[in-house]
C-alpha atoms as a PDB file:
ATOM      1  CA  UNK A   1       0.098  -0.263  -0.009  1.00  0.00           C
ATOM      2  CA  UNK A   2       1.905   3.387  -0.709  1.00  0.00           C
ATOM      3  CA  UNK A   3       2.185   5.927   2.062  1.00  0.00           C
ATOM      4  CA  UNK A   4      -0.598   8.965   1.652  1.00  0.00           C
ATOM      5  CA  UNK A   5       1.057  12.357   0.898  1.00  0.00           C
ATOM      6  CA  UNK A   6      -1.308  15.587   1.864  1.00  0.00           C
ATOM      7  CA  UNK A   7      -1.814  18.063  -0.806  1.00  0.00           C
ATOM      8  CA  UNK A   8      -0.121  15.942  -4.134  1.00  0.00           C
ATOM      9  CA  UNK A   9      -3.200  14.860  -5.837  1.00  0.00           C
ATOM     10  CA  UNK A  10      -4.408  17.097  -8.782  1.00  0.00           C
ATOM     11  CA  UNK A  11      -7.326  18.322  -8.321  1.00  0.00           C
ATOM     12  CA  UNK A  12      -7.676  21.231 -11.010  1.00  0.00           C
ATOM     13  CA  UNK A  13     -10.430  19.149 -12.289  1.00  0.00           C
ATOM     14  CA  UNK A  14     -12.412  18.848  -9.844  1.00  0.00           C
ATOM     15  CA  UNK A  15     -12.251  22.428  -8.736  1.00  0.00           C
ATOM     16  CA  UNK A  16     -13.591  23.488 -12.373  1.00  0.00           C
ATOM     17  CA  UNK A  17     -15.996  21.378 -11.834  1.00  0.00           C
ATOM     18  CA  UNK A  18     -17.184  22.860  -8.698  1.00  0.00           C
ATOM     19  CA  UNK A  19     -16.477  26.348  -9.521  1.00  0.00           C
ATOM     20  CA  UNK A  20     -19.104  25.758 -12.352  1.00  0.00           C
ATOM     21  CA  UNK A  21     -21.983  23.862 -10.321  1.00  0.00           C
ATOM     22  CA  UNK A  22     -21.375  26.805  -8.413  1.00  0.00           C
ATOM     23  CA  UNK A  23     -22.148  29.779 -10.938  1.00  0.00           C
ATOM     24  CA  UNK A  24     -24.897  27.103 -12.937  1.00  0.00           C
ATOM     25  CA  UNK A  25     -26.370  27.208  -8.861  1.00  0.00           C
ATOM     26  CA  UNK A  26     -26.048  31.338  -8.679  1.00  0.00           C
ATOM     27  CA  UNK A  27     -27.398  32.045 -12.186  1.00  0.00           C
ATOM     28  CA  UNK A  28     -30.638  29.466 -11.755  1.00  0.00           C
ATOM     29  CA  UNK A  29     -31.619  31.332  -8.523  1.00  0.00           C
ATOM     30  CA  UNK A  30     -31.372  34.805  -9.843  1.00  0.00           C
ATOM     31  CA  UNK A  31     -33.441  34.102 -13.286  1.00  0.00           C
ATOM     32  CA  UNK A  32     -35.725  31.680 -10.956  1.00  0.00           C
ATOM     33  CA  UNK A  33     -36.241  34.955  -8.308  1.00  0.00           C
ATOM     34  CA  UNK A  34     -36.605  37.187 -11.310  1.00  0.00           C
ATOM     35  CA  UNK A  35     -39.678  34.722 -13.125  1.00  0.00           C
ATOM     36  CA  UNK A  36     -40.882  35.117  -9.279  1.00  0.00           C
ATOM     37  CA  UNK A  37     -40.836  38.372  -9.457  1.00  0.00           C
ATOM     38  CA  UNK A  38     -42.202  38.945 -12.810  1.00  0.00           C
ATOM     39  CA  UNK A  39     -45.144  37.036 -11.863  1.00  0.00           C
ATOM     40  CA  UNK A  40     -45.807  38.866  -8.248  1.00  0.00           C
ATOM     41  CA  UNK A  41     -45.831  42.334  -9.785  1.00  0.00           C
ATOM     42  CA  UNK A  42     -47.798  41.487 -13.278  1.00  0.00           C
ATOM     43  CA  UNK A  43     -49.983  38.488 -12.800  1.00  0.00           C
ATOM     44  CA  UNK A  44     -53.490  38.511 -12.220  1.00  0.00           C
END
């Protein structure tokens, strides 16, 4: 069994995936809130 050395694994792909997920989530929430506000103001 190999020795574990903290901090040696390349995690660049995981970082990019996580950043993309966070960006997608934030944009989705903004769009959903805009739709809800639009419906609250103009739907009758």
